[in-house]
């Protein structure tokens, strides 16, 4: 019996020391893993931040280029009939959008949806303006109708999309 008591006197403190060492090593490994994750996130941010900023610049450029004022100024309406000018403008908006489709990877679903809505809104404005103009009219008449339609629209989807993108970019800084 005395042998068991002596054995317990040795094993209990040794067990307590081993358990304490186990907890210290576990805590150390946990902190090392957290430090590695922080380093990895930091390196990831250094790589992706310039790409995200570039994507934001491209989307802002897309939105600025599809504003009705910009579209009409870039494409001379005097060269086309209303039907031809309508087709040129719609194709231009769609090409701009398709050219920037890959930028959605860098933004939230809400921001990308705002960009997509802005593109659809611009096409809708062009289509509505086209309905108010005869097909034999000149491109200048269509341009005037587009300006009128864009002024009459209450909610500006392009401005909202720009605001969304700028809001997301501001989170990076």
N, C-alpha and C. Protein backbone atom coordinates (compact mmCIF):
# COMPACT_ATOMS: atom_id res chain seq x y z
N UNK A 1 0.82 -1.17 0.00
CA UNK A 1 0.00 0.00 0.00
C UNK A 1 0.87 1.25 0.00
N UNK A 2 1.91 1.17 0.75
CA UNK A 2 2.84 2.29 0.80
C UNK A 2 3.50 2.52 -0.57
N UNK A 3 3.66 1.44 -1.29
CA UNK A 3 4.24 1.52 -2.64
C UNK A 3 3.32 2.31 -3.58
N UNK A 4 2.03 2.10 -3.49
CA UNK A 4 1.04 2.80 -4.32
C UNK A 4 1.01 4.27 -3.95
N UNK A 5 1.10 4.59 -2.69
CA UNK A 5 1.08 5.99 -2.25
C UNK A 5 2.33 6.69 -2.76
N UNK A 6 3.49 6.04 -2.67
CA UNK A 6 4.73 6.64 -3.18
C UNK A 6 4.66 6.83 -4.70
N UNK A 7 4.08 5.85 -5.35
CA UNK A 7 3.93 5.95 -6.81
C UNK A 7 3.01 7.11 -7.18
N UNK A 8 1.93 7.29 -6.45
CA UNK A 8 1.01 8.40 -6.70
C UNK A 8 1.66 9.74 -6.41
N UNK A 9 2.54 9.78 -5.39
CA UNK A 9 3.25 11.01 -5.07
C UNK A 9 4.15 11.43 -6.22
N UNK A 10 4.65 10.48 -6.97
CA UNK A 10 5.51 10.79 -8.12
C UNK A 10 4.69 11.06 -9.39
N UNK A 11 3.68 10.24 -9.61
CA UNK A 11 2.92 10.35 -10.86
C UNK A 11 2.01 11.58 -10.93
N UNK A 12 1.39 11.95 -9.84
CA UNK A 12 0.48 13.11 -9.87
C UNK A 12 1.21 14.41 -10.19
N UNK A 13 2.33 14.74 -9.54
CA UNK A 13 3.03 15.96 -9.93
C UNK A 13 3.59 15.87 -11.36
N UNK A 14 4.08 14.70 -11.73
CA UNK A 14 4.61 14.53 -13.09
C UNK A 14 3.49 14.71 -14.12
N UNK A 15 2.34 14.16 -13.82
CA UNK A 15 1.18 14.31 -14.72
C UNK A 15 0.76 15.77 -14.82
N UNK A 16 0.76 16.48 -13.68
CA UNK A 16 0.39 17.89 -13.70
C UNK A 16 1.38 18.70 -14.52
N UNK A 17 2.68 18.38 -14.39
CA UNK A 17 3.71 19.08 -15.16
C UNK A 17 3.54 18.78 -16.65
N UNK A 18 3.29 17.52 -17.00
CA UNK A 18 3.08 17.16 -18.41
C UNK A 18 1.85 17.85 -19.00
N UNK A 19 0.78 17.90 -18.23
CA UNK A 19 -0.44 18.56 -18.70
C UNK A 19 -0.19 20.06 -18.90
N UNK A 20 0.53 20.67 -17.95
CA UNK A 20 0.88 22.09 -18.09
C UNK A 20 1.73 22.33 -19.33
N UNK A 21 2.70 21.45 -19.59
CA UNK A 21 3.54 21.58 -20.79
C UNK A 21 2.70 21.41 -22.06
N UNK A 22 1.76 20.49 -22.01
CA UNK A 22 0.87 20.26 -23.14
C UNK A 22 0.09 21.54 -23.46
N UNK A 23 -0.44 22.18 -22.44
CA UNK A 23 -1.20 23.41 -22.64
C UNK A 23 -0.32 24.53 -23.18
N UNK A 24 0.92 24.64 -22.69
CA UNK A 24 1.85 25.68 -23.16
C UNK A 24 2.18 25.45 -24.64
N UNK A 25 2.49 24.20 -25.01
CA UNK A 25 2.82 23.89 -26.41
C UNK A 25 1.61 24.13 -27.31
N UNK A 26 0.44 23.73 -26.85
CA UNK A 26 -0.78 23.95 -27.63
C UNK A 26 -1.02 25.44 -27.85
N UNK A 27 -0.86 26.24 -26.83
CA UNK A 27 -1.02 27.68 -26.95
C UNK A 27 0.02 28.28 -27.90
N UNK A 28 1.26 27.82 -27.79
CA UNK A 28 2.32 28.31 -28.67
C UNK A 28 2.02 27.99 -30.13
N UNK A 29 1.62 26.74 -30.40
CA UNK A 29 1.30 26.35 -31.78
C UNK A 29 0.11 27.13 -32.32
N UNK A 30 -0.87 27.40 -31.48
CA UNK A 30 -2.04 28.18 -31.91
C UNK A 30 -1.63 29.60 -32.28
N UNK A 31 -0.78 30.22 -31.48
CA UNK A 31 -0.33 31.58 -31.78
C UNK A 31 0.54 31.61 -33.04
N UNK A 32 1.35 30.60 -33.24
CA UNK A 32 2.18 30.53 -34.45
C UNK A 32 1.30 30.40 -35.69
N UNK A 33 0.26 29.61 -35.60
CA UNK A 33 -0.65 29.44 -36.73
C UNK A 33 -1.38 30.75 -37.03
N UNK A 34 -1.81 31.46 -36.00
CA UNK A 34 -2.45 32.76 -36.20
C UNK A 34 -1.49 33.74 -36.86
N UNK A 35 -0.23 33.73 -36.42
CA UNK A 35 0.76 34.62 -37.01
C UNK A 35 0.99 34.29 -38.48
N UNK A 36 1.03 33.00 -38.82
CA UNK A 36 1.19 32.60 -40.22
C UNK A 36 -0.01 33.02 -41.06
N UNK A 37 -1.20 32.90 -40.51
CA UNK A 37 -2.41 33.33 -41.23
C UNK A 37 -2.40 34.84 -41.47
N UNK A 38 -1.96 35.59 -40.47
CA UNK A 38 -1.89 37.04 -40.63
C UNK A 38 -0.86 37.40 -41.71
N UNK A 39 0.27 36.73 -41.71
CA UNK A 39 1.29 36.97 -42.74
C UNK A 39 0.76 36.62 -44.13
N UNK A 40 0.04 35.51 -44.22
CA UNK A 40 -0.53 35.09 -45.49
C UNK A 40 -1.56 36.10 -45.99
N UNK A 41 -2.41 36.58 -45.09
CA UNK A 41 -3.40 37.59 -45.48
C UNK A 41 -2.73 38.88 -45.91
N UNK A 42 -1.66 39.24 -45.24
CA UNK A 42 -0.92 40.45 -45.59
C UNK A 42 -0.31 40.32 -46.98
N UNK A 43 0.29 39.19 -47.26
CA UNK A 43 0.86 38.97 -48.59
C UNK A 43 -0.23 38.94 -49.65
N UNK A 44 -1.36 38.32 -49.33
CA UNK A 44 -2.48 38.26 -50.26
C UNK A 44 -3.01 39.66 -50.56
N UNK A 45 -3.10 40.49 -49.53
CA UNK A 45 -3.56 41.86 -49.71
C UNK A 45 -2.60 42.65 -50.58
N UNK A 46 -1.31 42.44 -50.39
CA UNK A 46 -0.32 43.15 -51.20
C UNK A 46 -0.44 42.77 -52.67
N UNK A 47 -0.85 41.54 -52.94
CA UNK A 47 -1.00 41.10 -54.33
C UNK A 47 -2.33 41.53 -54.93
N UNK A 48 -3.41 41.40 -54.16
CA UNK A 48 -4.74 41.65 -54.73
C UNK A 48 -5.17 43.11 -54.69
N UNK A 49 -4.64 43.89 -53.77
CA UNK A 49 -5.07 45.28 -53.66
C UNK A 49 -4.84 46.06 -54.96
N UNK A 50 -3.67 45.98 -55.59
CA UNK A 50 -3.51 46.69 -56.86
C UNK A 50 -4.48 46.18 -57.94
N UNK A 51 -4.76 44.89 -57.93
CA UNK A 51 -5.70 44.34 -58.92
C UNK A 51 -7.12 44.85 -58.67
N UNK A 52 -7.49 44.93 -57.40
CA UNK A 52 -8.83 45.43 -57.08
C UNK A 52 -8.97 46.91 -57.43
N UNK A 53 -7.94 47.67 -57.17
CA UNK A 53 -7.99 49.09 -57.52
C UNK A 53 -8.06 49.26 -59.02
N UNK A 54 -7.29 48.47 -59.75
CA UNK A 54 -7.34 48.54 -61.21
C UNK A 54 -8.72 48.13 -61.72
N UNK A 55 -9.32 47.13 -61.11
CA UNK A 55 -10.68 46.72 -61.50
C UNK A 55 -11.67 47.83 -61.23
N UNK A 56 -11.53 48.51 -60.11
CA UNK A 56 -12.42 49.63 -59.79
C UNK A 56 -12.25 50.75 -60.81
N UNK A 57 -11.01 51.02 -61.20
CA UNK A 57 -10.77 52.04 -62.21
C UNK A 57 -11.45 51.67 -63.53
N UNK A 58 -11.33 50.41 -63.89
CA UNK A 58 -11.94 49.96 -65.16
C UNK A 58 -13.45 50.06 -65.12
N UNK A 59 -14.05 49.69 -63.98
CA UNK A 59 -15.51 49.78 -63.89
C UNK A 59 -15.98 51.23 -63.87
N UNK A 60 -15.23 52.09 -63.21
CA UNK A 60 -15.58 53.52 -63.24
C UNK A 60 -15.47 54.06 -64.66
N UNK A 61 -14.45 53.64 -65.36
CA UNK A 61 -14.29 54.06 -66.75
C UNK A 61 -15.44 53.53 -67.60
N UNK A 62 -15.82 52.28 -67.39
CA UNK A 62 -16.96 51.71 -68.11
C UNK A 62 -18.20 52.55 -67.86
N UNK A 63 -18.48 52.86 -66.61
CA UNK A 63 -19.68 53.61 -66.28
C UNK A 63 -19.65 55.02 -66.87
N UNK A 64 -18.49 55.63 -66.86
CA UNK A 64 -18.38 56.97 -67.45
C UNK A 64 -18.55 56.91 -68.97
N UNK A 65 -18.04 55.85 -69.57
CA UNK A 65 -18.12 55.74 -71.03
C UNK A 65 -19.53 55.43 -71.52
N UNK A 66 -20.36 54.82 -70.67
CA UNK A 66 -21.72 54.48 -71.13
C UNK A 66 -22.75 55.53 -70.75
N UNK A 67 -22.32 56.62 -70.13
CA UNK A 67 -23.29 57.69 -69.90
C UNK A 67 -23.77 58.20 -71.26
N UNK A 68 -25.04 58.53 -71.37
CA UNK A 68 -25.56 58.97 -72.67
C UNK A 68 -24.77 60.13 -73.27
N UNK A 69 -24.37 61.08 -72.47
CA UNK A 69 -23.62 62.22 -72.97
C UNK A 69 -22.29 61.77 -73.59
N UNK A 70 -21.60 60.90 -72.92
CA UNK A 70 -20.32 60.41 -73.40
C UNK A 70 -20.49 59.56 -74.65
N UNK A 71 -21.50 58.71 -74.64
CA UNK A 71 -21.75 57.85 -75.80
C UNK A 71 -22.00 58.67 -77.07
N UNK A 72 -22.85 59.65 -76.94
CA UNK A 72 -23.22 60.46 -78.11
C UNK A 72 -22.02 61.27 -78.61
N UNK A 73 -21.24 61.81 -77.67
CA UNK A 73 -20.08 62.61 -78.08
C UNK A 73 -19.02 61.76 -78.78
N UNK A 74 -18.83 60.52 -78.33
CA UNK A 74 -17.82 59.66 -78.96
C UNK A 74 -18.24 59.19 -80.34
N UNK A 75 -19.52 59.05 -80.56
CA UNK A 75 -20.03 58.57 -81.86
C UNK A 75 -20.78 59.72 -82.52
N UNK A 76 -20.28 60.15 -83.62
CA UNK A 76 -20.86 61.31 -84.31
C UNK A 76 -22.25 60.97 -84.85
N UNK A 77 -23.31 61.56 -84.28
CA UNK A 77 -24.65 61.22 -84.72
C UNK A 77 -24.99 61.74 -86.11
N UNK A 78 -24.25 62.72 -86.60
CA UNK A 78 -24.54 63.29 -87.91
C UNK A 78 -24.25 62.34 -89.05
N UNK A 79 -23.45 61.34 -88.81
CA UNK A 79 -23.07 60.39 -89.86
C UNK A 79 -24.12 59.31 -90.07
N UNK A 80 -25.03 59.12 -89.14
CA UNK A 80 -25.93 57.98 -89.16
C UNK A 80 -27.39 58.42 -89.22
N UNK A 81 -28.22 57.47 -89.67
CA UNK A 81 -29.66 57.66 -89.50
C UNK A 81 -29.99 57.27 -88.06
N UNK A 82 -31.21 57.53 -87.64
CA UNK A 82 -31.59 57.22 -86.26
C UNK A 82 -31.47 55.72 -85.99
N UNK A 83 -31.88 54.88 -86.94
CA UNK A 83 -31.81 53.42 -86.76
C UNK A 83 -30.37 52.96 -86.66
N UNK A 84 -29.51 53.49 -87.52
CA UNK A 84 -28.09 53.10 -87.49
C UNK A 84 -27.42 53.59 -86.21
N UNK A 85 -27.73 54.81 -85.83
CA UNK A 85 -27.12 55.37 -84.62
C UNK A 85 -27.56 54.59 -83.37
N UNK A 86 -28.82 54.20 -83.35
CA UNK A 86 -29.32 53.37 -82.25
C UNK A 86 -28.52 52.08 -82.15
N UNK A 87 -28.32 51.42 -83.28
CA UNK A 87 -27.57 50.17 -83.29
C UNK A 87 -26.12 50.38 -82.86
N UNK A 88 -25.51 51.47 -83.30
CA UNK A 88 -24.13 51.78 -82.92
C UNK A 88 -24.02 51.97 -81.41
N UNK A 89 -24.96 52.72 -80.85
CA UNK A 89 -24.92 53.00 -79.41
C UNK A 89 -25.14 51.75 -78.57
N UNK A 90 -26.11 50.95 -78.94
CA UNK A 90 -26.39 49.72 -78.18
C UNK A 90 -25.20 48.77 -78.28
N UNK A 91 -24.63 48.64 -79.46
CA UNK A 91 -23.45 47.78 -79.61
C UNK A 91 -22.28 48.29 -78.78
N UNK A 92 -22.10 49.59 -78.76
CA UNK A 92 -21.01 50.19 -77.98
C UNK A 92 -21.16 49.88 -76.49
N UNK A 93 -22.37 50.02 -75.96
CA UNK A 93 -22.61 49.74 -74.55
C UNK A 93 -22.35 48.27 -74.25
N UNK A 94 -22.85 47.41 -75.10
CA UNK A 94 -22.67 45.97 -74.87
C UNK A 94 -21.20 45.56 -74.98
N UNK A 95 -20.48 46.13 -75.93
CA UNK A 95 -19.05 45.81 -76.06
C UNK A 95 -18.28 46.29 -74.84
N UNK A 96 -18.58 47.48 -74.37
CA UNK A 96 -17.92 48.00 -73.17
C UNK A 96 -18.18 47.07 -71.99
N UNK A 97 -19.41 46.65 -71.83
CA UNK A 97 -19.76 45.78 -70.71
C UNK A 97 -19.07 44.42 -70.84
N UNK A 98 -19.13 43.83 -72.03
CA UNK A 98 -18.51 42.53 -72.24
C UNK A 98 -17.00 42.59 -72.03
N UNK A 99 -16.41 43.71 -72.38
CA UNK A 99 -14.97 43.88 -72.22
C UNK A 99 -14.57 43.90 -70.73
N UNK A 100 -15.49 44.26 -69.86
CA UNK A 100 -15.19 44.40 -68.44
C UNK A 100 -15.87 43.35 -67.56
N UNK A 101 -16.38 42.29 -68.15
CA UNK A 101 -17.07 41.26 -67.38
C UNK A 101 -16.20 40.62 -66.31
N UNK A 102 -14.92 40.46 -66.58
CA UNK A 102 -14.05 39.78 -65.63
C UNK A 102 -13.82 40.58 -64.35
N UNK A 103 -14.15 41.85 -64.35
CA UNK A 103 -13.92 42.69 -63.16
C UNK A 103 -14.87 42.34 -62.02
N UNK A 104 -15.92 41.60 -62.31
CA UNK A 104 -16.88 41.25 -61.26
C UNK A 104 -16.26 40.37 -60.18
N UNK A 105 -15.15 39.72 -60.48
CA UNK A 105 -14.48 38.86 -59.51
C UNK A 105 -14.02 39.66 -58.30
N UNK A 106 -13.69 40.92 -58.50
CA UNK A 106 -13.10 41.74 -57.44
C UNK A 106 -14.12 42.51 -56.61
N UNK A 107 -15.41 42.35 -56.91
CA UNK A 107 -16.43 43.14 -56.23
C UNK A 107 -17.53 42.27 -55.66
N UNK A 108 -18.25 42.83 -54.73
CA UNK A 108 -19.37 42.11 -54.12
C UNK A 108 -20.49 41.96 -55.15
N UNK A 109 -21.39 41.05 -54.84
CA UNK A 109 -22.53 40.84 -55.74
C UNK A 109 -23.38 42.10 -55.87
N UNK A 110 -23.50 42.86 -54.78
CA UNK A 110 -24.32 44.07 -54.81
C UNK A 110 -23.71 45.12 -55.74
N UNK A 111 -22.40 45.29 -55.67
CA UNK A 111 -21.74 46.28 -56.53
C UNK A 111 -21.83 45.86 -57.99
N UNK A 112 -21.60 44.58 -58.25
CA UNK A 112 -21.67 44.13 -59.65
C UNK A 112 -23.10 44.24 -60.18
N UNK A 113 -24.06 43.93 -59.35
CA UNK A 113 -25.46 44.06 -59.77
C UNK A 113 -25.79 45.52 -60.09
N UNK A 114 -25.23 46.45 -59.32
CA UNK A 114 -25.45 47.88 -59.60
C UNK A 114 -24.85 48.26 -60.95
N UNK A 115 -23.68 47.72 -61.27
CA UNK A 115 -23.04 47.99 -62.57
C UNK A 115 -23.90 47.40 -63.69
N UNK A 116 -24.35 46.17 -63.49
CA UNK A 116 -25.18 45.52 -64.51
C UNK A 116 -26.49 46.29 -64.72
N UNK A 117 -27.09 46.77 -63.64
CA UNK A 117 -28.31 47.56 -63.75
C UNK A 117 -28.06 48.88 -64.47
N UNK A 118 -26.90 49.47 -64.25
CA UNK A 118 -26.57 50.72 -64.93
C UNK A 118 -26.45 50.50 -66.43
N UNK A 119 -25.86 49.39 -66.82
CA UNK A 119 -25.74 49.07 -68.25
C UNK A 119 -27.12 48.84 -68.84
N UNK A 120 -27.94 48.06 -68.15
CA UNK A 120 -29.30 47.81 -68.63
C UNK A 120 -30.11 49.10 -68.70
N UNK A 121 -29.94 49.97 -67.73
CA UNK A 121 -30.65 51.24 -67.72
C UNK A 121 -30.25 52.12 -68.90
N UNK A 122 -28.97 52.10 -69.23
CA UNK A 122 -28.50 52.89 -70.37
C UNK A 122 -29.10 52.35 -71.67
N UNK A 123 -29.10 51.03 -71.83
CA UNK A 123 -29.69 50.43 -73.03
C UNK A 123 -31.18 50.73 -73.09
N UNK A 124 -31.85 50.68 -71.94
CA UNK A 124 -33.28 51.00 -71.90
C UNK A 124 -33.52 52.45 -72.31
N UNK A 125 -32.69 53.35 -71.83
CA UNK A 125 -32.82 54.77 -72.19
C UNK A 125 -32.66 54.94 -73.70
N UNK A 126 -31.67 54.28 -74.27
CA UNK A 126 -31.44 54.37 -75.72
C UNK A 126 -32.63 53.80 -76.47
N UNK A 127 -33.14 52.67 -76.02
CA UNK A 127 -34.29 52.03 -76.70
C UNK A 127 -35.54 52.89 -76.59
N UNK A 128 -35.78 53.48 -75.43
CA UNK A 128 -36.95 54.33 -75.27
C UNK A 128 -36.84 55.58 -76.15
N UNK A 129 -35.64 56.12 -76.25
CA UNK A 129 -35.43 57.29 -77.10
C UNK A 129 -35.66 56.92 -78.57
N UNK A 130 -35.25 55.72 -78.92
CA UNK A 130 -35.41 55.25 -80.31
C UNK A 130 -36.88 55.11 -80.67
N UNK A 131 -37.69 54.71 -79.72
CA UNK A 131 -39.13 54.56 -79.98
C UNK A 131 -39.80 55.90 -80.25
N UNK A 132 -39.24 56.97 -79.74
CA UNK A 132 -39.83 58.29 -79.92
C UNK A 132 -39.37 59.00 -81.18
N UNK A 133 -38.53 58.34 -81.98
CA UNK A 133 -37.98 58.98 -83.18
C UNK A 133 -38.29 58.10 -84.39
N UNK A 134 -38.62 58.75 -85.51
CA UNK A 134 -38.85 58.01 -86.75
C UNK A 134 -37.57 57.35 -87.22
N UNK A 135 -37.70 56.21 -87.90
CA UNK A 135 -36.51 55.49 -88.37
C UNK A 135 -35.80 56.25 -89.49
N UNK A 136 -36.50 57.14 -90.17
CA UNK A 136 -35.87 57.93 -91.23
C UNK A 136 -35.19 59.18 -90.68
N UNK A 137 -35.39 59.47 -89.42
CA UNK A 137 -34.79 60.67 -88.83
C UNK A 137 -33.28 60.52 -88.78
N UNK A 138 -32.62 61.65 -88.53
CA UNK A 138 -31.16 61.62 -88.45
C UNK A 138 -30.72 61.17 -87.06
N UNK A 139 -29.46 60.84 -86.97
CA UNK A 139 -28.88 60.45 -85.69
C UNK A 139 -28.92 61.58 -84.68
N UNK A 140 -28.90 62.82 -85.18
CA UNK A 140 -28.96 63.98 -84.30
C UNK A 140 -30.30 64.02 -83.55
N UNK A 141 -31.37 63.67 -84.24
CA UNK A 141 -32.69 63.63 -83.60
C UNK A 141 -32.72 62.57 -82.51
N UNK A 142 -32.10 61.43 -82.78
CA UNK A 142 -32.03 60.38 -81.77
C UNK A 142 -31.19 60.84 -80.59
N UNK A 143 -30.10 61.53 -80.86
CA UNK A 143 -29.24 62.04 -79.78
C UNK A 143 -30.03 63.00 -78.88
N UNK A 144 -30.81 63.88 -79.48
CA UNK A 144 -31.65 64.80 -78.70
C UNK A 144 -32.65 64.04 -77.85
N UNK A 145 -33.24 63.02 -78.44
CA UNK A 145 -34.21 62.20 -77.72
C UNK A 145 -33.55 61.45 -76.56
N UNK A 146 -32.33 60.98 -76.78
CA UNK A 146 -31.59 60.29 -75.71
C UNK A 146 -31.32 61.25 -74.56
N UNK A 147 -30.89 62.45 -74.89
CA UNK A 147 -30.63 63.44 -73.83
C UNK A 147 -31.91 63.75 -73.06
N UNK A 148 -33.01 63.87 -73.76
CA UNK A 148 -34.29 64.15 -73.12
C UNK A 148 -34.68 63.00 -72.19
N UNK A 149 -34.55 61.76 -72.69
CA UNK A 149 -34.87 60.58 -71.88
C UNK A 149 -34.00 60.50 -70.63
N UNK A 150 -32.72 60.78 -70.80
CA UNK A 150 -31.81 60.66 -69.64
C UNK A 150 -32.08 61.75 -68.62
N UNK A 151 -32.54 62.91 -69.06
CA UNK A 151 -32.88 63.97 -68.11
C UNK A 151 -34.18 63.67 -67.37
N UNK A 152 -35.11 62.97 -68.04
CA UNK A 152 -36.40 62.66 -67.43
C UNK A 152 -36.31 61.53 -66.41
N UNK A 153 -35.32 60.69 -66.52
CA UNK A 153 -35.21 59.55 -65.60
C UNK A 153 -34.86 60.04 -64.20
N UNK A 154 -35.63 59.58 -63.24
CA UNK A 154 -35.46 60.05 -61.87
C UNK A 154 -34.25 59.44 -61.18
N UNK A 155 -34.13 58.12 -61.24
CA UNK A 155 -33.02 57.46 -60.55
C UNK A 155 -31.86 57.25 -61.53
N UNK A 156 -30.71 57.66 -61.12
CA UNK A 156 -29.54 57.56 -61.98
C UNK A 156 -28.76 56.30 -61.59
N UNK A 157 -28.93 55.26 -62.37
CA UNK A 157 -28.30 53.98 -62.06
C UNK A 157 -26.78 54.06 -62.18
N UNK A 158 -26.29 54.87 -63.09
CA UNK A 158 -24.83 55.00 -63.26
C UNK A 158 -24.22 55.65 -62.02
N UNK A 159 -24.83 56.70 -61.53
CA UNK A 159 -24.31 57.35 -60.33
C UNK A 159 -24.37 56.41 -59.12
N UNK A 160 -25.43 55.63 -59.03
CA UNK A 160 -25.55 54.67 -57.93
C UNK A 160 -24.45 53.61 -58.01
N UNK A 161 -24.20 53.10 -59.21
CA UNK A 161 -23.15 52.09 -59.39
C UNK A 161 -21.78 52.67 -59.07
N UNK A 162 -21.52 53.89 -59.51
CA UNK A 162 -20.24 54.53 -59.17
C UNK A 162 -20.09 54.68 -57.66
N UNK A 163 -21.17 55.03 -57.00
CA UNK A 163 -21.15 55.18 -55.55
C UNK A 163 -20.85 53.83 -54.88
N UNK A 164 -21.45 52.76 -55.38
CA UNK A 164 -21.19 51.42 -54.84
C UNK A 164 -19.72 51.03 -54.98
N UNK A 165 -19.17 51.27 -56.15
CA UNK A 165 -17.77 50.90 -56.40
C UNK A 165 -16.85 51.72 -55.51
N UNK A 166 -17.08 53.01 -55.44
CA UNK A 166 -16.25 53.86 -54.59
C UNK A 166 -16.36 53.46 -53.13
N UNK A 167 -17.53 53.07 -52.71
CA UNK A 167 -17.73 52.62 -51.34
C UNK A 167 -16.90 51.36 -51.05
N UNK A 168 -16.89 50.43 -51.98
CA UNK A 168 -16.11 49.21 -51.77
C UNK A 168 -14.61 49.50 -51.79
N UNK A 169 -14.18 50.40 -52.65
CA UNK A 169 -12.76 50.74 -52.71
C UNK A 169 -12.34 51.45 -51.42
N UNK A 170 -13.22 52.23 -50.84
CA UNK A 170 -12.86 52.94 -49.62
C UNK A 170 -12.61 51.99 -48.45
N UNK A 171 -13.14 50.78 -48.52
CA UNK A 171 -12.91 49.77 -47.48
C UNK A 171 -11.45 49.29 -47.49
N UNK A 172 -10.77 49.43 -48.60
CA UNK A 172 -9.39 48.96 -48.71
C UNK A 172 -8.42 49.91 -48.04
N UNK A 173 -8.86 51.13 -47.78
CA UNK A 173 -7.93 52.13 -47.23
C UNK A 173 -8.31 52.55 -45.84
